[in-house]
């Protein structure tokens, strides 16, 4: 499968937490550390690069949102995130305020 990182980068959008909540409820959200680019993570997921994805998971560079994160975001439904859909997942990255 041919995946173009630049095309993925163009698909990055912004969303409020309240708009992302349904994706969390279907267990599709993946939080991405700000040190990584969403397009790079999306590309590695799309091409099934298990070694890279496992390394990121092990180092907590990507993860399911933690209970503490969810509590914080639920108190701020207007909080903004960068997001990228890489079916079936929605990658999210907090936007610094």
N, C-alpha and C. Protein backbone atom coordinates (compact mmCIF):
# COMPACT_ATOMS: atom_id res chain seq x y z
N UNK A 1 0.84 -1.18 0.00
CA UNK A 1 0.00 0.00 0.00
C UNK A 1 0.88 1.24 0.00
N UNK A 2 0.60 2.17 -0.91
CA UNK A 2 1.36 3.40 -1.02
C UNK A 2 0.69 4.49 -0.19
N UNK A 3 1.39 5.01 0.80
CA UNK A 3 0.88 6.08 1.65
C UNK A 3 1.82 7.26 1.52
N UNK A 4 1.25 8.42 1.27
CA UNK A 4 2.05 9.63 1.10
C UNK A 4 1.93 10.48 2.37
N UNK A 5 3.04 10.64 3.06
CA UNK A 5 3.04 11.41 4.32
C UNK A 5 2.59 12.85 4.08
N UNK A 6 2.96 13.44 2.94
CA UNK A 6 2.54 14.82 2.66
C UNK A 6 1.02 14.90 2.50
N UNK A 7 0.42 13.89 1.86
CA UNK A 7 -1.04 13.87 1.74
C UNK A 7 -1.68 13.76 3.12
N UNK A 8 -1.12 12.92 3.97
CA UNK A 8 -1.65 12.79 5.33
C UNK A 8 -1.51 14.11 6.08
N UNK A 9 -0.39 14.79 5.91
CA UNK A 9 -0.17 16.06 6.59
C UNK A 9 -1.23 17.08 6.18
N UNK A 10 -1.66 17.03 4.92
CA UNK A 10 -2.69 17.95 4.45
C UNK A 10 -4.07 17.61 5.03
N UNK A 11 -4.23 16.38 5.53
CA UNK A 11 -5.51 15.96 6.10
C UNK A 11 -5.61 16.26 7.60
N UNK A 12 -4.52 16.72 8.20
CA UNK A 12 -4.57 17.07 9.62
C UNK A 12 -5.53 18.25 9.78
N UNK A 13 -6.41 18.13 10.74
CA UNK A 13 -7.41 19.15 10.98
C UNK A 13 -7.45 19.46 12.47
N UNK A 14 -8.27 20.40 12.86
CA UNK A 14 -8.44 20.70 14.28
C UNK A 14 -9.85 20.33 14.70
N UNK A 15 -9.96 19.90 15.96
CA UNK A 15 -11.26 19.51 16.50
C UNK A 15 -11.30 19.83 17.98
N UNK A 16 -12.50 20.12 18.46
CA UNK A 16 -12.71 20.35 19.89
C UNK A 16 -12.91 18.99 20.56
N UNK A 17 -12.58 18.91 21.83
CA UNK A 17 -12.73 17.65 22.57
C UNK A 17 -14.14 17.11 22.45
N UNK A 18 -15.14 17.97 22.56
CA UNK A 18 -16.52 17.48 22.52
C UNK A 18 -16.83 16.79 21.20
N UNK A 19 -16.14 17.17 20.11
CA UNK A 19 -16.34 16.51 18.82
C UNK A 19 -15.60 15.18 18.75
N UNK A 20 -14.54 15.04 19.55
CA UNK A 20 -13.74 13.81 19.54
C UNK A 20 -14.28 12.76 20.49
N UNK A 21 -15.08 13.18 21.45
CA UNK A 21 -15.60 12.26 22.47
C UNK A 21 -16.27 11.01 21.90
N UNK A 22 -17.10 11.11 20.85
CA UNK A 22 -17.69 9.89 20.30
C UNK A 22 -16.65 8.88 19.81
N UNK A 23 -15.52 9.37 19.32
CA UNK A 23 -14.45 8.46 18.87
C UNK A 23 -13.80 7.77 20.08
N UNK A 24 -13.68 8.49 21.19
CA UNK A 24 -13.19 7.86 22.41
C UNK A 24 -14.16 6.77 22.86
N UNK A 25 -15.45 7.06 22.78
CA UNK A 25 -16.46 6.10 23.24
C UNK A 25 -16.45 4.83 22.42
N UNK A 26 -15.99 4.90 21.19
CA UNK A 26 -15.87 3.67 20.37
C UNK A 26 -14.44 3.12 20.39
N UNK A 27 -13.62 3.64 21.33
CA UNK A 27 -12.25 3.16 21.58
C UNK A 27 -11.35 3.31 20.36
N UNK A 28 -11.50 4.44 19.66
CA UNK A 28 -10.73 4.66 18.44
C UNK A 28 -9.68 5.76 18.57
N UNK A 29 -9.64 6.46 19.71
CA UNK A 29 -8.69 7.57 19.86
C UNK A 29 -7.31 7.07 20.24
N UNK A 30 -6.32 7.68 19.62
CA UNK A 30 -4.92 7.44 19.99
C UNK A 30 -4.29 8.81 20.21
N UNK A 31 -3.81 9.02 21.44
CA UNK A 31 -3.10 10.25 21.79
C UNK A 31 -1.68 10.15 21.28
N UNK A 32 -1.18 11.23 20.69
CA UNK A 32 0.16 11.29 20.12
C UNK A 32 0.94 12.39 20.83
N UNK A 33 2.11 12.05 21.35
CA UNK A 33 2.98 13.03 22.01
C UNK A 33 3.33 14.15 21.04
N UNK A 34 3.47 15.35 21.55
CA UNK A 34 3.79 16.52 20.73
C UNK A 34 5.14 16.45 20.05
N UNK A 35 6.00 15.53 20.47
CA UNK A 35 7.31 15.39 19.83
C UNK A 35 7.23 14.65 18.50
N UNK A 36 6.08 14.01 18.24
CA UNK A 36 5.89 13.28 16.98
C UNK A 36 4.97 14.07 16.07
N UNK A 37 5.10 13.84 14.76
CA UNK A 37 4.20 14.44 13.79
C UNK A 37 3.04 13.49 13.55
N UNK A 38 1.83 14.03 13.54
CA UNK A 38 0.65 13.19 13.30
C UNK A 38 0.75 12.44 11.98
N UNK A 39 1.22 13.12 10.94
CA UNK A 39 1.31 12.48 9.63
C UNK A 39 2.27 11.29 9.64
N UNK A 40 3.38 11.42 10.37
CA UNK A 40 4.33 10.31 10.46
C UNK A 40 3.70 9.12 11.18
N UNK A 41 3.01 9.40 12.29
CA UNK A 41 2.36 8.31 13.03
C UNK A 41 1.29 7.67 12.16
N UNK A 42 0.51 8.49 11.48
CA UNK A 42 -0.52 7.95 10.59
C UNK A 42 0.05 7.08 9.50
N UNK A 43 1.15 7.52 8.92
CA UNK A 43 1.81 6.74 7.87
C UNK A 43 2.29 5.39 8.41
N UNK A 44 2.93 5.40 9.56
CA UNK A 44 3.44 4.15 10.14
C UNK A 44 2.30 3.18 10.49
N UNK A 45 1.17 3.73 10.96
CA UNK A 45 0.00 2.88 11.22
C UNK A 45 -0.57 2.31 9.93
N UNK A 46 -0.68 3.16 8.92
CA UNK A 46 -1.29 2.76 7.65
C UNK A 46 -0.49 1.68 6.94
N UNK A 47 0.84 1.73 7.05
CA UNK A 47 1.67 0.71 6.38
C UNK A 47 1.97 -0.47 7.30
N UNK A 48 1.35 -0.46 8.47
CA UNK A 48 1.49 -1.55 9.44
C UNK A 48 2.94 -1.78 9.85
N UNK A 49 3.64 -0.69 10.18
CA UNK A 49 5.02 -0.75 10.65
C UNK A 49 4.99 -1.10 12.15
N UNK A 50 4.82 -2.37 12.44
CA UNK A 50 4.63 -2.83 13.81
C UNK A 50 5.81 -2.48 14.72
N UNK A 51 7.02 -2.57 14.21
CA UNK A 51 8.20 -2.31 15.05
C UNK A 51 8.21 -0.86 15.55
N UNK A 52 7.96 0.08 14.64
CA UNK A 52 7.96 1.49 15.03
C UNK A 52 6.80 1.78 15.97
N UNK A 53 5.62 1.29 15.64
CA UNK A 53 4.43 1.53 16.48
C UNK A 53 4.63 0.93 17.86
N UNK A 54 5.18 -0.27 17.94
CA UNK A 54 5.43 -0.90 19.24
C UNK A 54 6.44 -0.09 20.06
N UNK A 55 7.46 0.44 19.39
CA UNK A 55 8.46 1.26 20.10
C UNK A 55 7.81 2.52 20.66
N UNK A 56 6.94 3.15 19.88
CA UNK A 56 6.24 4.34 20.37
C UNK A 56 5.32 4.00 21.53
N UNK A 57 4.63 2.87 21.42
CA UNK A 57 3.75 2.45 22.52
C UNK A 57 4.57 2.19 23.78
N UNK A 58 5.68 1.50 23.64
CA UNK A 58 6.52 1.16 24.79
C UNK A 58 7.07 2.40 25.47
N UNK A 59 7.37 3.44 24.69
CA UNK A 59 7.93 4.67 25.25
C UNK A 59 6.85 5.69 25.60
N UNK A 60 5.59 5.31 25.45
CA UNK A 60 4.43 6.17 25.74
C UNK A 60 4.41 7.43 24.86
N UNK A 61 4.95 7.31 23.66
CA UNK A 61 4.87 8.41 22.69
C UNK A 61 3.51 8.41 22.00
N UNK A 62 2.87 7.24 21.96
CA UNK A 62 1.47 7.12 21.54
C UNK A 62 0.79 6.21 22.55
N UNK A 63 -0.50 6.48 22.78
CA UNK A 63 -1.23 5.69 23.78
C UNK A 63 -2.72 5.99 23.68
N UNK A 64 -3.51 5.12 24.27
CA UNK A 64 -4.91 5.44 24.49
C UNK A 64 -4.92 6.55 25.53
N UNK A 65 -5.87 7.48 25.46
CA UNK A 65 -5.90 8.54 26.48
C UNK A 65 -6.02 7.96 27.89
N UNK A 66 -5.27 8.54 28.81
CA UNK A 66 -5.28 8.06 30.20
C UNK A 66 -6.52 8.60 30.92
N UNK A 67 -6.90 7.98 32.04
CA UNK A 67 -8.02 8.52 32.82
C UNK A 67 -7.79 9.97 33.24
N UNK A 68 -6.55 10.34 33.59
CA UNK A 68 -6.26 11.72 33.98
C UNK A 68 -6.47 12.68 32.80
N UNK A 69 -6.00 12.27 31.61
CA UNK A 69 -6.22 13.10 30.43
C UNK A 69 -7.71 13.27 30.16
N UNK A 70 -8.44 12.16 30.22
CA UNK A 70 -9.88 12.21 29.95
C UNK A 70 -10.60 13.12 30.93
N UNK A 71 -10.23 13.03 32.21
CA UNK A 71 -10.86 13.91 33.22
C UNK A 71 -10.61 15.37 32.87
N UNK A 72 -9.36 15.68 32.53
CA UNK A 72 -9.00 17.06 32.21
C UNK A 72 -9.77 17.54 30.97
N UNK A 73 -9.79 16.74 29.93
CA UNK A 73 -10.45 17.13 28.69
C UNK A 73 -11.96 17.24 28.88
N UNK A 74 -12.55 16.36 29.69
CA UNK A 74 -13.99 16.42 29.93
C UNK A 74 -14.37 17.71 30.67
N UNK A 75 -13.45 18.25 31.45
CA UNK A 75 -13.71 19.53 32.13
C UNK A 75 -13.55 20.71 31.18
N UNK A 76 -12.95 20.46 30.00
CA UNK A 76 -12.71 21.52 29.01
C UNK A 76 -13.21 21.06 27.63
N UNK A 77 -14.53 20.95 27.44
CA UNK A 77 -15.04 20.40 26.19
C UNK A 77 -14.65 21.20 24.95
N UNK A 78 -14.25 22.45 25.13
CA UNK A 78 -13.83 23.27 24.00
C UNK A 78 -12.34 23.18 23.68
N UNK A 79 -11.63 22.36 24.43
CA UNK A 79 -10.18 22.20 24.23
C UNK A 79 -9.90 21.77 22.79
N UNK A 80 -8.87 22.38 22.19
CA UNK A 80 -8.55 22.13 20.78
C UNK A 80 -7.45 21.08 20.63
N UNK A 81 -7.61 20.26 19.61
CA UNK A 81 -6.66 19.22 19.26
C UNK A 81 -6.40 19.25 17.76
N UNK A 82 -5.18 18.90 17.38
CA UNK A 82 -4.94 18.52 15.99
C UNK A 82 -5.38 17.07 15.89
N UNK A 83 -5.95 16.70 14.76
CA UNK A 83 -6.42 15.33 14.62
C UNK A 83 -6.23 14.84 13.18
N UNK A 84 -6.08 13.53 13.07
CA UNK A 84 -5.92 12.89 11.77
C UNK A 84 -6.63 11.55 11.83
N UNK A 85 -7.50 11.32 10.86
CA UNK A 85 -8.20 10.04 10.77
C UNK A 85 -7.37 9.09 9.93
N UNK A 86 -7.03 7.95 10.53
CA UNK A 86 -6.37 6.85 9.83
C UNK A 86 -7.20 5.62 10.20
N UNK A 87 -8.20 5.39 9.39
CA UNK A 87 -9.22 4.39 9.69
C UNK A 87 -8.61 3.07 10.17
N UNK A 88 -9.05 2.54 11.30
CA UNK A 88 -10.21 2.91 12.10
C UNK A 88 -9.89 3.89 13.24
N UNK A 89 -8.69 4.45 13.26
CA UNK A 89 -8.27 5.27 14.38
C UNK A 89 -8.40 6.76 14.09
N UNK A 90 -8.48 7.53 15.18
CA UNK A 90 -8.41 8.98 15.12
C UNK A 90 -7.23 9.37 16.01
N UNK A 91 -6.18 9.90 15.38
CA UNK A 91 -5.00 10.33 16.11
C UNK A 91 -5.23 11.75 16.59
N UNK A 92 -4.89 12.01 17.85
CA UNK A 92 -5.08 13.36 18.39
C UNK A 92 -3.80 13.83 19.06
N UNK A 93 -3.64 15.14 19.02
CA UNK A 93 -2.48 15.78 19.64
C UNK A 93 -2.96 17.09 20.23
N UNK A 94 -2.67 17.28 21.51
CA UNK A 94 -3.10 18.51 22.18
C UNK A 94 -2.41 19.71 21.55
N UNK A 95 -3.18 20.79 21.41
CA UNK A 95 -2.63 22.05 20.92
C UNK A 95 -2.28 22.87 22.14
N UNK A 96 -1.05 23.33 22.21
CA UNK A 96 -0.61 24.14 23.35
C UNK A 96 -1.39 25.44 23.37
N UNK A 97 -1.80 25.80 24.57
CA UNK A 97 -2.57 27.05 24.71
C UNK A 97 -1.66 28.22 24.93
